[in-house]
Amino acid sequence: MLVVSFLDLYVEALGVVSLFEVVVCFGAGALFMMAVDLSLPHIEFGLWEDGVGDRRLLNSGLMIAVGMGVHNLPEGVVVSAGFAHVPELGVLVALMICLHNVPEGIATVTPLVRAGVGRWRAVGIATLSGLVEPVGAVIGLTAIQVMGGGSVVGWGLGFAAGVMTYVTLDELIPVAHQYCSLSHKHVVSTGIIVGTLFGQLVSLLLPL
């Protein structure tokens, strides 16, 4: 996701708008995701977010669905921004997010079941949260079409790069370290390198 953020989304944005605009939009995307992360409690790869006050309320499923759904909404916008610029870029971004969502869905259902939520209800909550991403994609494409292409697409690409970078740095890498002991910390580094190479190889198969 970091490779796609900087080598594809960020670079493509620079080809449409100025560096200043890209930097501003990148920061806006990262800050938006941070605001969502801090304001809406959700489950982060099998771990309850700190600051969740009433877990019985969360166990009802409604609050979890809302939190995870809004958390996933910008990822749909990321895909639409890439697709609006170059269809191949949209496919690449969608693939990276899909790979990120598979373990996230599994890790989301597990603590819900352990917390007392029924299995099918937990699966339904995770599914609904994932279905929000296509909604985000429709919203993103609609906004781009209404506001026109050109600069709007460049802003969207910069925003998308900020969103994906925040998700990677705030969720994927820290949680990966939590599941590795100090003696096996190189496993995370190896995984990041392998993932980086994979992202570059996919980019070669989908030339932009």
N, C-alpha and C. Protein backbone atom coordinates (compact mmCIF):
# COMPACT_ATOMS: atom_id res chain seq x y z
N MET A 1 0.82 -1.20 0.00
CA MET A 1 0.00 0.00 0.00
C MET A 1 0.86 1.26 0.00
N LEU A 2 2.00 1.20 0.70
CA LEU A 2 2.91 2.35 0.68
C LEU A 2 3.50 2.57 -0.70
N VAL A 3 3.84 1.48 -1.37
CA VAL A 3 4.39 1.59 -2.73
C VAL A 3 3.37 2.25 -3.66
N VAL A 4 2.14 1.77 -3.59
CA VAL A 4 1.09 2.33 -4.44
C VAL A 4 0.84 3.80 -4.08
N SER A 5 0.90 4.12 -2.79
CA SER A 5 0.64 5.49 -2.34
C SER A 5 1.63 6.47 -2.94
N PHE A 6 2.92 6.12 -2.86
CA PHE A 6 3.95 7.07 -3.26
C PHE A 6 4.41 6.94 -4.71
N LEU A 7 4.52 5.71 -5.21
CA LEU A 7 5.02 5.52 -6.57
C LEU A 7 3.92 5.64 -7.62
N ASP A 8 2.69 5.53 -7.20
CA ASP A 8 1.59 5.61 -8.16
C ASP A 8 0.68 6.81 -7.89
N LEU A 9 -0.04 6.77 -6.77
CA LEU A 9 -0.99 7.84 -6.48
C LEU A 9 -0.31 9.21 -6.38
N TYR A 10 0.75 9.29 -5.58
CA TYR A 10 1.43 10.57 -5.36
C TYR A 10 2.06 11.08 -6.64
N VAL A 11 2.76 10.17 -7.34
CA VAL A 11 3.43 10.56 -8.58
C VAL A 11 2.42 11.00 -9.64
N GLU A 12 1.33 10.24 -9.77
CA GLU A 12 0.32 10.60 -10.75
C GLU A 12 -0.33 11.95 -10.41
N ALA A 13 -0.51 12.21 -9.12
CA ALA A 13 -1.08 13.49 -8.70
C ALA A 13 -0.17 14.65 -9.10
N LEU A 14 1.13 14.45 -8.99
CA LEU A 14 2.09 15.49 -9.37
C LEU A 14 2.02 15.82 -10.86
N GLY A 15 1.55 14.86 -11.65
CA GLY A 15 1.43 15.10 -13.08
C GLY A 15 0.16 15.87 -13.45
N VAL A 16 -0.71 16.08 -12.45
CA VAL A 16 -1.98 16.76 -12.72
C VAL A 16 -2.03 18.14 -12.05
N VAL A 17 -1.57 18.20 -10.80
CA VAL A 17 -1.60 19.47 -10.06
C VAL A 17 -0.21 19.77 -9.52
N SER A 18 -0.07 20.93 -8.87
CA SER A 18 1.24 21.36 -8.36
C SER A 18 1.65 20.57 -7.11
N LEU A 19 2.94 20.65 -6.78
CA LEU A 19 3.45 19.96 -5.60
C LEU A 19 2.75 20.47 -4.34
N PHE A 20 2.53 21.77 -4.26
CA PHE A 20 1.86 22.34 -3.09
C PHE A 20 0.47 21.75 -2.91
N GLU A 21 -0.28 21.64 -4.00
CA GLU A 21 -1.63 21.09 -3.93
C GLU A 21 -1.60 19.62 -3.51
N VAL A 22 -0.63 18.88 -4.02
CA VAL A 22 -0.51 17.47 -3.66
C VAL A 22 -0.20 17.33 -2.18
N VAL A 23 0.73 18.14 -1.68
CA VAL A 23 1.11 18.09 -0.27
C VAL A 23 -0.09 18.40 0.62
N VAL A 24 -0.86 19.43 0.26
CA VAL A 24 -2.03 19.82 1.04
C VAL A 24 -3.07 18.70 1.05
N CYS A 25 -3.33 18.13 -0.11
CA CYS A 25 -4.33 17.06 -0.21
C CYS A 25 -3.87 15.78 0.48
N PHE A 26 -2.58 15.49 0.39
CA PHE A 26 -2.01 14.34 1.09
C PHE A 26 -2.21 14.50 2.60
N GLY A 27 -1.88 15.69 3.10
CA GLY A 27 -2.08 15.95 4.52
C GLY A 27 -3.53 15.89 4.92
N ALA A 28 -4.42 16.39 4.05
CA ALA A 28 -5.85 16.36 4.34
C ALA A 28 -6.35 14.92 4.44
N GLY A 29 -5.87 14.05 3.55
CA GLY A 29 -6.28 12.65 3.59
C GLY A 29 -5.82 11.96 4.86
N ALA A 30 -4.57 12.20 5.26
CA ALA A 30 -4.04 11.59 6.47
C ALA A 30 -4.76 12.11 7.71
N LEU A 31 -4.99 13.43 7.77
CA LEU A 31 -5.67 14.02 8.92
C LEU A 31 -7.13 13.56 9.01
N PHE A 32 -7.76 13.39 7.85
CA PHE A 32 -9.15 12.91 7.84
C PHE A 32 -9.23 11.51 8.44
N MET A 33 -8.32 10.63 8.03
CA MET A 33 -8.33 9.28 8.56
C MET A 33 -8.01 9.27 10.04
N MET A 34 -7.12 10.16 10.47
CA MET A 34 -6.79 10.25 11.89
C MET A 34 -8.01 10.70 12.70
N ALA A 35 -8.75 11.67 12.16
CA ALA A 35 -9.95 12.16 12.84
C ALA A 35 -10.99 11.04 12.97
N VAL A 36 -11.17 10.28 11.89
CA VAL A 36 -12.11 9.15 11.92
C VAL A 36 -11.65 8.12 12.93
N ASP A 37 -10.36 7.85 12.94
CA ASP A 37 -9.78 6.85 13.82
C ASP A 37 -9.98 7.22 15.29
N LEU A 38 -9.82 8.50 15.60
CA LEU A 38 -9.90 8.95 16.99
C LEU A 38 -11.33 9.17 17.46
N SER A 39 -12.23 9.46 16.54
CA SER A 39 -13.60 9.80 16.93
C SER A 39 -14.55 8.62 16.92
N LEU A 40 -14.25 7.60 16.13
CA LEU A 40 -15.14 6.46 16.02
C LEU A 40 -14.44 5.18 16.48
N PRO A 41 -14.90 4.56 17.56
CA PRO A 41 -14.29 3.31 18.03
C PRO A 41 -14.55 2.19 17.04
N HIS A 42 -13.55 1.39 16.81
CA HIS A 42 -13.72 0.24 15.93
C HIS A 42 -12.70 -0.82 16.33
N ILE A 43 -12.78 -1.95 15.69
CA ILE A 43 -11.86 -3.04 15.99
C ILE A 43 -10.71 -2.99 15.01
N GLU A 44 -9.50 -3.01 15.53
CA GLU A 44 -8.32 -2.86 14.70
C GLU A 44 -7.55 -4.17 14.65
N PHE A 45 -7.79 -4.95 13.62
CA PHE A 45 -7.10 -6.22 13.43
C PHE A 45 -7.11 -7.09 14.68
N GLY A 46 -8.29 -7.30 15.21
CA GLY A 46 -8.44 -8.22 16.33
C GLY A 46 -8.23 -7.60 17.68
N LEU A 47 -7.95 -6.31 17.76
CA LEU A 47 -7.70 -5.66 19.04
C LEU A 47 -8.71 -4.54 19.23
N TRP A 48 -9.28 -4.44 20.43
CA TRP A 48 -10.19 -3.34 20.72
C TRP A 48 -9.40 -2.05 20.77
N GLU A 49 -9.90 -1.02 20.12
CA GLU A 49 -9.25 0.29 20.17
C GLU A 49 -9.25 0.81 21.60
N ASP A 50 -8.17 1.48 21.99
CA ASP A 50 -8.13 2.14 23.29
C ASP A 50 -9.18 3.24 23.33
N GLY A 51 -9.76 3.45 24.49
CA GLY A 51 -10.73 4.52 24.62
C GLY A 51 -12.16 4.08 24.42
N VAL A 52 -12.37 2.79 24.16
CA VAL A 52 -13.74 2.31 24.02
C VAL A 52 -14.34 2.21 25.42
N GLY A 53 -15.34 3.03 25.71
CA GLY A 53 -15.86 3.10 27.06
C GLY A 53 -16.84 1.99 27.40
N ASP A 54 -17.86 1.81 26.60
CA ASP A 54 -18.91 0.86 26.90
C ASP A 54 -18.92 -0.25 25.87
N ARG A 55 -18.26 -1.35 26.16
CA ARG A 55 -18.17 -2.44 25.19
C ARG A 55 -19.50 -3.15 25.03
N ARG A 56 -20.38 -3.05 26.04
CA ARG A 56 -21.70 -3.66 25.89
C ARG A 56 -22.48 -2.96 24.78
N LEU A 57 -22.28 -1.64 24.67
CA LEU A 57 -22.91 -0.90 23.58
C LEU A 57 -22.34 -1.36 22.25
N LEU A 58 -21.02 -1.55 22.21
CA LEU A 58 -20.39 -1.99 20.97
C LEU A 58 -20.84 -3.40 20.61
N ASN A 59 -21.09 -4.22 21.62
CA ASN A 59 -21.50 -5.59 21.37
C ASN A 59 -22.86 -5.67 20.68
N SER A 60 -23.63 -4.61 20.74
CA SER A 60 -24.92 -4.60 20.04
C SER A 60 -24.72 -4.70 18.54
N GLY A 61 -23.52 -4.36 18.07
CA GLY A 61 -23.21 -4.49 16.65
C GLY A 61 -23.42 -3.20 15.88
N LEU A 62 -24.38 -2.38 16.29
CA LEU A 62 -24.68 -1.16 15.55
C LEU A 62 -23.51 -0.19 15.56
N MET A 63 -22.96 0.05 16.75
CA MET A 63 -21.86 1.00 16.86
C MET A 63 -20.64 0.50 16.10
N ILE A 64 -20.41 -0.79 16.14
CA ILE A 64 -19.28 -1.36 15.43
C ILE A 64 -19.47 -1.17 13.92
N ALA A 65 -20.68 -1.45 13.44
CA ALA A 65 -20.96 -1.32 12.01
C ALA A 65 -20.74 0.11 11.54
N VAL A 66 -21.23 1.06 12.33
CA VAL A 66 -21.07 2.47 11.97
C VAL A 66 -19.60 2.86 11.98
N GLY A 67 -18.89 2.48 13.05
CA GLY A 67 -17.48 2.84 13.18
C GLY A 67 -16.63 2.27 12.06
N MET A 68 -16.78 0.98 11.80
CA MET A 68 -15.97 0.35 10.76
C MET A 68 -16.39 0.83 9.38
N GLY A 69 -17.69 1.07 9.22
CA GLY A 69 -18.16 1.53 7.92
C GLY A 69 -17.59 2.87 7.54
N VAL A 70 -17.67 3.83 8.46
CA VAL A 70 -17.12 5.16 8.19
C VAL A 70 -15.61 5.08 8.04
N HIS A 71 -14.99 4.17 8.77
CA HIS A 71 -13.55 3.98 8.66
C HIS A 71 -13.17 3.46 7.28
N ASN A 72 -14.03 2.64 6.68
CA ASN A 72 -13.74 2.06 5.37
C ASN A 72 -14.18 2.94 4.21
N LEU A 73 -15.06 3.88 4.48
CA LEU A 73 -15.59 4.73 3.42
C LEU A 73 -14.50 5.41 2.58
N PRO A 74 -13.49 6.03 3.20
CA PRO A 74 -12.46 6.71 2.40
C PRO A 74 -11.69 5.76 1.49
N GLU A 75 -11.61 4.48 1.85
CA GLU A 75 -10.89 3.54 1.00
C GLU A 75 -11.60 3.39 -0.35
N GLY A 76 -12.91 3.49 -0.35
CA GLY A 76 -13.65 3.47 -1.61
C GLY A 76 -13.35 4.70 -2.44
N VAL A 77 -13.22 5.85 -1.76
CA VAL A 77 -12.85 7.08 -2.46
C VAL A 77 -11.47 6.95 -3.09
N VAL A 78 -10.58 6.25 -2.39
CA VAL A 78 -9.22 6.02 -2.91
C VAL A 78 -9.28 5.30 -4.25
N VAL A 79 -10.09 4.25 -4.32
CA VAL A 79 -10.21 3.47 -5.56
C VAL A 79 -10.79 4.34 -6.68
N SER A 80 -11.82 5.10 -6.36
CA SER A 80 -12.46 5.93 -7.39
C SER A 80 -11.52 7.00 -7.91
N ALA A 81 -10.69 7.57 -7.03
CA ALA A 81 -9.75 8.60 -7.46
C ALA A 81 -8.73 8.01 -8.44
N GLY A 82 -8.25 6.82 -8.13
CA GLY A 82 -7.30 6.18 -9.03
C GLY A 82 -7.92 5.79 -10.35
N PHE A 83 -9.15 5.26 -10.30
CA PHE A 83 -9.82 4.83 -11.52
C PHE A 83 -10.17 6.01 -12.41
N ALA A 84 -10.54 7.13 -11.80
CA ALA A 84 -10.91 8.32 -12.58
C ALA A 84 -9.71 8.85 -13.37
N HIS A 85 -8.52 8.65 -12.83
CA HIS A 85 -7.32 9.11 -13.51
C HIS A 85 -6.88 8.12 -14.59
N VAL A 86 -6.65 6.88 -14.18
CA VAL A 86 -6.29 5.80 -15.10
C VAL A 86 -6.95 4.52 -14.60
N PRO A 87 -7.76 3.85 -15.40
CA PRO A 87 -8.44 2.64 -14.94
C PRO A 87 -7.48 1.61 -14.33
N GLU A 88 -6.30 1.46 -14.93
CA GLU A 88 -5.34 0.49 -14.41
C GLU A 88 -4.91 0.84 -12.98
N LEU A 89 -4.80 2.14 -12.70
CA LEU A 89 -4.43 2.57 -11.35
C LEU A 89 -5.53 2.21 -10.36
N GLY A 90 -6.78 2.37 -10.78
CA GLY A 90 -7.90 1.99 -9.93
C GLY A 90 -7.89 0.51 -9.61
N VAL A 91 -7.58 -0.31 -10.60
CA VAL A 91 -7.49 -1.76 -10.39
C VAL A 91 -6.37 -2.10 -9.42
N LEU A 92 -5.22 -1.44 -9.59
CA LEU A 92 -4.07 -1.68 -8.71
C LEU A 92 -4.41 -1.32 -7.27
N VAL A 93 -5.00 -0.16 -7.07
CA VAL A 93 -5.36 0.28 -5.73
C VAL A 93 -6.39 -0.66 -5.12
N ALA A 94 -7.38 -1.06 -5.90
CA ALA A 94 -8.42 -1.97 -5.41
C ALA A 94 -7.81 -3.30 -4.98
N LEU A 95 -6.83 -3.78 -5.73
CA LEU A 95 -6.18 -5.05 -5.39
C LEU A 95 -5.44 -4.93 -4.07
N MET A 96 -4.70 -3.83 -3.88
CA MET A 96 -3.96 -3.64 -2.64
C MET A 96 -4.90 -3.55 -1.43
N ILE A 97 -6.00 -2.82 -1.59
CA ILE A 97 -6.95 -2.67 -0.50
C ILE A 97 -7.66 -4.00 -0.23
N CYS A 98 -7.93 -4.76 -1.28
CA CYS A 98 -8.57 -6.07 -1.12
C CYS A 98 -7.69 -6.99 -0.29
N LEU A 99 -6.41 -7.02 -0.59
CA LEU A 99 -5.48 -7.87 0.17
C LEU A 99 -5.41 -7.42 1.63
N HIS A 100 -5.54 -6.12 1.85
CA HIS A 100 -5.53 -5.58 3.21
C HIS A 100 -6.82 -5.92 3.95
N ASN A 101 -7.92 -6.02 3.23
CA ASN A 101 -9.22 -6.24 3.86
C ASN A 101 -9.48 -7.70 4.24
N VAL A 102 -8.80 -8.64 3.58
CA VAL A 102 -9.03 -10.06 3.88
C VAL A 102 -8.68 -10.38 5.33
N PRO A 103 -7.44 -10.13 5.76
CA PRO A 103 -7.14 -10.41 7.17
C PRO A 103 -7.89 -9.49 8.13
N GLU A 104 -8.21 -8.28 7.69
CA GLU A 104 -8.97 -7.37 8.55
C GLU A 104 -10.35 -7.92 8.83
N GLY A 105 -11.00 -8.49 7.82
CA GLY A 105 -12.32 -9.07 8.03
C GLY A 105 -12.28 -10.25 8.98
N ILE A 106 -11.27 -11.11 8.81
CA ILE A 106 -11.13 -12.27 9.70
C ILE A 106 -10.88 -11.82 11.13
N ALA A 107 -9.97 -10.87 11.28
CA ALA A 107 -9.61 -10.40 12.61
C ALA A 107 -10.71 -9.58 13.25
N THR A 108 -11.64 -9.07 12.46
CA THR A 108 -12.76 -8.31 13.00
C THR A 108 -13.83 -9.24 13.56
N VAL A 109 -14.11 -10.31 12.86
CA VAL A 109 -15.15 -11.24 13.28
C VAL A 109 -14.75 -11.97 14.57
N THR A 110 -13.49 -12.34 14.70
CA THR A 110 -13.03 -13.14 15.85
C THR A 110 -13.32 -12.49 17.20
N PRO A 111 -12.88 -11.23 17.44
CA PRO A 111 -13.17 -10.63 18.75
C PRO A 111 -14.65 -10.36 18.97
N LEU A 112 -15.40 -10.15 17.90
CA LEU A 112 -16.84 -9.96 18.05
C LEU A 112 -17.49 -11.22 18.60
N VAL A 113 -17.09 -12.36 18.05
CA VAL A 113 -17.64 -13.64 18.51
C VAL A 113 -17.23 -13.89 19.96
N ARG A 114 -15.98 -13.60 20.29
CA ARG A 114 -15.49 -13.79 21.65
C ARG A 114 -16.20 -12.85 22.62
N ALA A 115 -16.62 -11.70 22.13
CA ALA A 115 -17.31 -10.73 22.99
C ALA A 115 -18.77 -11.08 23.20
N GLY A 116 -19.25 -12.12 22.52
CA GLY A 116 -20.62 -12.56 22.73
C GLY A 116 -21.55 -12.32 21.57
N VAL A 117 -21.07 -11.70 20.50
CA VAL A 117 -21.90 -11.48 19.33
C VAL A 117 -22.06 -12.80 18.57
N GLY A 118 -23.25 -13.10 18.11
CA GLY A 118 -23.48 -14.33 17.36
C GLY A 118 -22.60 -14.39 16.11
N ARG A 119 -22.26 -15.60 15.70
CA ARG A 119 -21.34 -15.77 14.57
C ARG A 119 -21.86 -15.12 13.29
N TRP A 120 -23.12 -15.44 12.97
CA TRP A 120 -23.66 -14.88 11.73
C TRP A 120 -23.84 -13.38 11.82
N ARG A 121 -24.16 -12.90 13.02
CA ARG A 121 -24.30 -11.47 13.20
C ARG A 121 -22.93 -10.79 13.03
N ALA A 122 -21.89 -11.42 13.55
CA ALA A 122 -20.53 -10.87 13.42
C ALA A 122 -20.11 -10.84 11.95
N VAL A 123 -20.42 -11.92 11.24
CA VAL A 123 -20.10 -11.95 9.81
C VAL A 123 -20.89 -10.88 9.06
N GLY A 124 -22.14 -10.69 9.45
CA GLY A 124 -22.95 -9.66 8.81
C GLY A 124 -22.41 -8.27 9.05
N ILE A 125 -21.93 -8.00 10.27
CA ILE A 125 -21.36 -6.69 10.60
C ILE A 125 -20.11 -6.44 9.76
N ALA A 126 -19.24 -7.45 9.69
CA ALA A 126 -18.01 -7.31 8.91
C ALA A 126 -18.33 -7.11 7.43
N THR A 127 -19.34 -7.84 6.94
CA THR A 127 -19.73 -7.71 5.53
C THR A 127 -20.28 -6.33 5.23
N LEU A 128 -21.14 -5.82 6.11
CA LEU A 128 -21.71 -4.50 5.91
C LEU A 128 -20.63 -3.42 5.91
N SER A 129 -19.65 -3.59 6.79
CA SER A 129 -18.57 -2.60 6.84
C SER A 129 -17.77 -2.61 5.54
N GLY A 130 -17.61 -3.81 4.95
CA GLY A 130 -16.89 -3.90 3.69
C GLY A 130 -17.67 -3.34 2.53
N LEU A 131 -18.99 -3.48 2.57
CA LEU A 131 -19.84 -2.99 1.48
C LEU A 131 -19.89 -1.46 1.45
N VAL A 132 -19.42 -0.82 2.50
CA VAL A 132 -19.39 0.64 2.52
C VAL A 132 -18.35 1.17 1.52
N GLU A 133 -17.33 0.37 1.25
CA GLU A 133 -16.27 0.82 0.34
C GLU A 133 -16.80 1.07 -1.07
N PRO A 134 -17.62 0.19 -1.65
CA PRO A 134 -18.21 0.53 -2.95
C PRO A 134 -19.04 1.81 -2.91
N VAL A 135 -19.69 2.05 -1.78
CA VAL A 135 -20.45 3.30 -1.62
C VAL A 135 -19.49 4.49 -1.69
N GLY A 136 -18.34 4.35 -1.01
CA GLY A 136 -17.34 5.41 -1.06
C GLY A 136 -16.83 5.63 -2.47
N ALA A 137 -16.69 4.55 -3.24
CA ALA A 137 -16.23 4.67 -4.62
C ALA A 137 -17.25 5.43 -5.47
N VAL A 138 -18.53 5.13 -5.26
CA VAL A 138 -19.59 5.84 -6.00
C VAL A 138 -19.60 7.32 -5.63
N ILE A 139 -19.44 7.61 -4.34
CA ILE A 139 -19.41 9.00 -3.89
C ILE A 139 -18.23 9.74 -4.51
N GLY A 140 -17.07 9.07 -4.53
CA GLY A 140 -15.88 9.69 -5.11
C GLY A 140 -16.04 9.98 -6.58
N LEU A 141 -16.54 9.00 -7.34
CA LEU A 141 -16.73 9.19 -8.78
C LEU A 141 -17.77 10.27 -9.07
N THR A 142 -18.84 10.28 -8.27
CA THR A 142 -19.88 11.28 -8.46
C THR A 142 -19.33 12.69 -8.22
N ALA A 143 -18.53 12.83 -7.16
CA ALA A 143 -17.95 14.13 -6.84
C ALA A 143 -17.02 14.61 -7.95
N ILE A 144 -16.23 13.68 -8.49
CA ILE A 144 -15.31 14.03 -9.57
C ILE A 144 -16.07 14.45 -10.82
N GLN A 145 -17.15 13.73 -11.14
CA GLN A 145 -17.93 14.05 -12.33
C GLN A 145 -18.66 15.39 -12.17
N VAL A 146 -19.19 15.64 -10.98
CA VAL A 146 -19.92 16.89 -10.74
C VAL A 146 -18.98 18.09 -10.76
N MET A 147 -17.83 17.93 -10.13
CA MET A 147 -16.88 19.04 -10.03
C MET A 147 -15.98 19.15 -11.25
N GLY A 148 -16.06 18.15 -12.11
CA GLY A 148 -15.22 18.16 -13.30
C GLY A 148 -13.90 17.46 -13.04
N GLY A 149 -13.22 17.08 -14.11
CA GLY A 149 -11.95 16.38 -13.98
C GLY A 149 -10.81 17.32 -13.68
N GLY A 150 -9.66 17.06 -14.29
CA GLY A 150 -8.53 17.94 -14.13
C GLY A 150 -8.00 18.00 -12.72
N SER A 151 -8.04 19.19 -12.14
CA SER A 151 -7.47 19.41 -10.81
C SER A 151 -8.15 18.54 -9.75
N VAL A 152 -9.45 18.31 -9.89
CA VAL A 152 -10.18 17.52 -8.90
C VAL A 152 -9.60 16.11 -8.81
N VAL A 153 -9.26 15.53 -9.95
CA VAL A 153 -8.67 14.19 -9.96
C VAL A 153 -7.31 14.23 -9.26
N GLY A 154 -6.51 15.25 -9.54
CA GLY A 154 -5.22 15.38 -8.88
C GLY A 154 -5.36 15.52 -7.38
N TRP A 155 -6.33 16.32 -6.95
CA TRP A 155 -6.58 16.46 -5.52
C TRP A 155 -7.00 15.13 -4.91
N GLY A 156 -7.85 14.40 -5.64
CA GLY A 156 -8.30 13.10 -5.16
C GLY A 156 -7.17 12.11 -5.02
N LEU A 157 -6.23 12.12 -5.98
CA LEU A 157 -5.09 11.22 -5.91
C LEU A 157 -4.22 11.54 -4.71
N GLY A 158 -3.98 12.84 -4.47
CA GLY A 158 -3.19 13.23 -3.30
C GLY A 158 -3.88 12.85 -2.00
N PHE A 159 -5.18 13.07 -1.93
CA PHE A 159 -5.97 12.70 -0.76
C PHE A 159 -5.91 11.18 -0.54
N ALA A 160 -6.04 10.43 -1.63
CA ALA A 160 -6.00 8.97 -1.55
C ALA A 160 -4.66 8.49 -1.04
N ALA A 161 -3.58 9.11 -1.49
CA ALA A 161 -2.25 8.73 -1.01
C ALA A 161 -2.12 8.95 0.49
N GLY A 162 -2.68 10.05 0.99
CA GLY A 162 -2.64 10.32 2.42
C GLY A 162 -3.43 9.30 3.22
N VAL A 163 -4.60 8.92 2.71
CA VAL A 163 -5.44 7.94 3.38
C VAL A 163 -4.73 6.60 3.48
N MET A 164 -4.19 6.11 2.37
CA MET A 164 -3.54 4.81 2.36
C MET A 164 -2.28 4.80 3.22
N THR A 165 -1.55 5.89 3.21
CA THR A 165 -0.33 5.97 4.02
C THR A 165 -0.67 5.92 5.50
N TYR A 166 -1.71 6.65 5.91
CA TYR A 166 -2.10 6.65 7.32
C TYR A 166 -2.54 5.25 7.77
N VAL A 167 -3.37 4.61 6.96
CA VAL A 167 -3.85 3.27 7.31
C VAL A 167 -2.68 2.31 7.48
N THR A 168 -1.70 2.39 6.59
CA THR A 168 -0.55 1.49 6.66
C THR A 168 0.29 1.75 7.90
N LEU A 169 0.59 3.01 8.15
CA LEU A 169 1.48 3.35 9.27
C LEU A 169 0.80 3.22 10.62
N ASP A 170 -0.50 3.48 10.67
CA ASP A 170 -1.21 3.47 11.95
C ASP A 170 -1.75 2.10 12.32
N GLU A 171 -2.09 1.28 11.33
CA GLU A 171 -2.70 0.00 11.62
C GLU A 171 -1.84 -1.20 11.26
N LEU A 172 -1.47 -1.30 9.98
CA LEU A 172 -0.83 -2.52 9.51
C LEU A 172 0.51 -2.79 10.19
N ILE A 173 1.43 -1.84 10.12
CA ILE A 173 2.78 -2.06 10.65
C ILE A 173 2.79 -2.18 12.17
N PRO A 174 2.15 -1.27 12.93
CA PRO A 174 2.16 -1.42 14.39
C PRO A 174 1.56 -2.73 14.88
N VAL A 175 0.43 -3.14 14.31
CA VAL A 175 -0.21 -4.38 14.75
C VAL A 175 0.64 -5.59 14.37
N ALA A 176 1.32 -5.52 13.23
CA ALA A 176 2.21 -6.61 12.84
C ALA A 176 3.31 -6.79 13.89
N HIS A 177 3.83 -5.70 14.40
CA HIS A 177 4.87 -5.78 15.44
C HIS A 177 4.30 -6.33 16.75
N GLN A 178 3.04 -6.04 17.04
CA GLN A 178 2.43 -6.54 18.27
C GLN A 178 2.32 -8.05 18.26
N TYR A 179 2.19 -8.62 17.08
CA TYR A 179 2.04 -10.07 16.98
C TYR A 179 3.38 -10.78 16.80
N CYS A 180 4.47 -10.03 16.84
CA CYS A 180 5.80 -10.63 16.70
C CYS A 180 6.62 -10.36 17.96
N SER A 181 7.34 -11.36 18.42
CA SER A 181 8.22 -11.16 19.56
C SER A 181 9.47 -10.41 19.11
N LEU A 182 10.23 -9.91 20.08
CA LEU A 182 11.42 -9.12 19.77
C LEU A 182 12.43 -9.93 18.97
N SER A 183 12.51 -11.23 19.28
CA SER A 183 13.47 -12.08 18.58
C SER A 183 13.07 -12.35 17.14
N HIS A 184 11.80 -12.08 16.81
CA HIS A 184 11.33 -12.32 15.44
C HIS A 184 10.90 -11.03 14.76
N LYS A 185 11.44 -9.89 15.23
CA LYS A 185 11.03 -8.61 14.66
C LYS A 185 11.37 -8.48 13.18
N HIS A 186 12.38 -9.25 12.73
CA HIS A 186 12.76 -9.17 11.32
C HIS A 186 11.70 -9.77 10.41
N VAL A 187 10.77 -10.54 11.00
CA VAL A 187 9.68 -11.10 10.20
C VAL A 187 8.83 -9.97 9.61
N VAL A 188 8.58 -8.93 10.42
CA VAL A 188 7.78 -7.80 9.96
C VAL A 188 8.51 -7.06 8.84
N SER A 189 9.81 -6.81 9.07
CA SER A 189 10.60 -6.12 8.04
C SER A 189 10.62 -6.91 6.74
N THR A 190 10.76 -8.23 6.87
CA THR A 190 10.76 -9.09 5.69
C THR A 190 9.42 -9.01 4.98
N GLY A 191 8.34 -9.03 5.76
CA GLY A 191 7.01 -8.93 5.16
C GLY A 191 6.81 -7.62 4.42
N ILE A 192 7.31 -6.53 4.99
CA ILE A 192 7.18 -5.23 4.34
C ILE A 192 7.95 -5.21 3.03
N ILE A 193 9.15 -5.77 3.04
CA ILE A 193 9.97 -5.80 1.82
C ILE A 193 9.30 -6.66 0.75
N VAL A 194 8.80 -7.84 1.15
CA VAL A 194 8.11 -8.72 0.20
C VAL A 194 6.87 -8.02 -0.36
N GLY A 195 6.12 -7.37 0.51
CA GLY A 195 4.94 -6.65 0.06
C GLY A 195 5.30 -5.51 -0.88
N THR A 196 6.40 -4.83 -0.59
CA THR A 196 6.86 -3.75 -1.46
C THR A 196 7.21 -4.26 -2.85
N LEU A 197 7.94 -5.36 -2.88
CA LEU A 197 8.30 -5.96 -4.16
C LEU A 197 7.06 -6.43 -4.91
N PHE A 198 6.10 -6.99 -4.17
CA PHE A 198 4.86 -7.45 -4.80
C PHE A 198 4.12 -6.29 -5.43
N GLY A 199 4.03 -5.18 -4.70
CA GLY A 199 3.36 -4.00 -5.23
C GLY A 199 4.01 -3.49 -6.49
N GLN A 200 5.35 -3.51 -6.53
CA GLN A 200 6.07 -3.06 -7.72
C GLN A 200 5.85 -4.01 -8.89
N LEU A 201 5.82 -5.31 -8.62
CA LEU A 201 5.59 -6.29 -9.69
C LEU A 201 4.20 -6.13 -10.28
N VAL A 202 3.22 -5.90 -9.41
CA VAL A 202 1.85 -5.70 -9.90
C VAL A 202 1.79 -4.42 -10.74
N SER A 203 2.54 -3.40 -10.34
CA SER A 203 2.57 -2.16 -11.10
C SER A 203 3.14 -2.40 -12.51
N LEU A 204 4.11 -3.32 -12.60
CA LEU A 204 4.68 -3.64 -13.90
C LEU A 204 3.67 -4.35 -14.79
N LEU A 205 2.82 -5.18 -14.15
CA LEU A 205 1.81 -5.92 -14.91
C LEU A 205 0.65 -5.02 -15.33
N LEU A 206 0.48 -3.91 -14.59
CA LEU A 206 -0.57 -2.94 -14.93
C LEU A 206 0.08 -1.59 -15.22
N PRO A 207 0.76 -1.48 -16.35
CA PRO A 207 1.45 -0.23 -16.67
C PRO A 207 0.49 0.94 -16.76
N LEU A 208 0.88 2.04 -16.11
CA LEU A 208 0.02 3.21 -16.08
C LEU A 208 0.39 4.17 -17.21
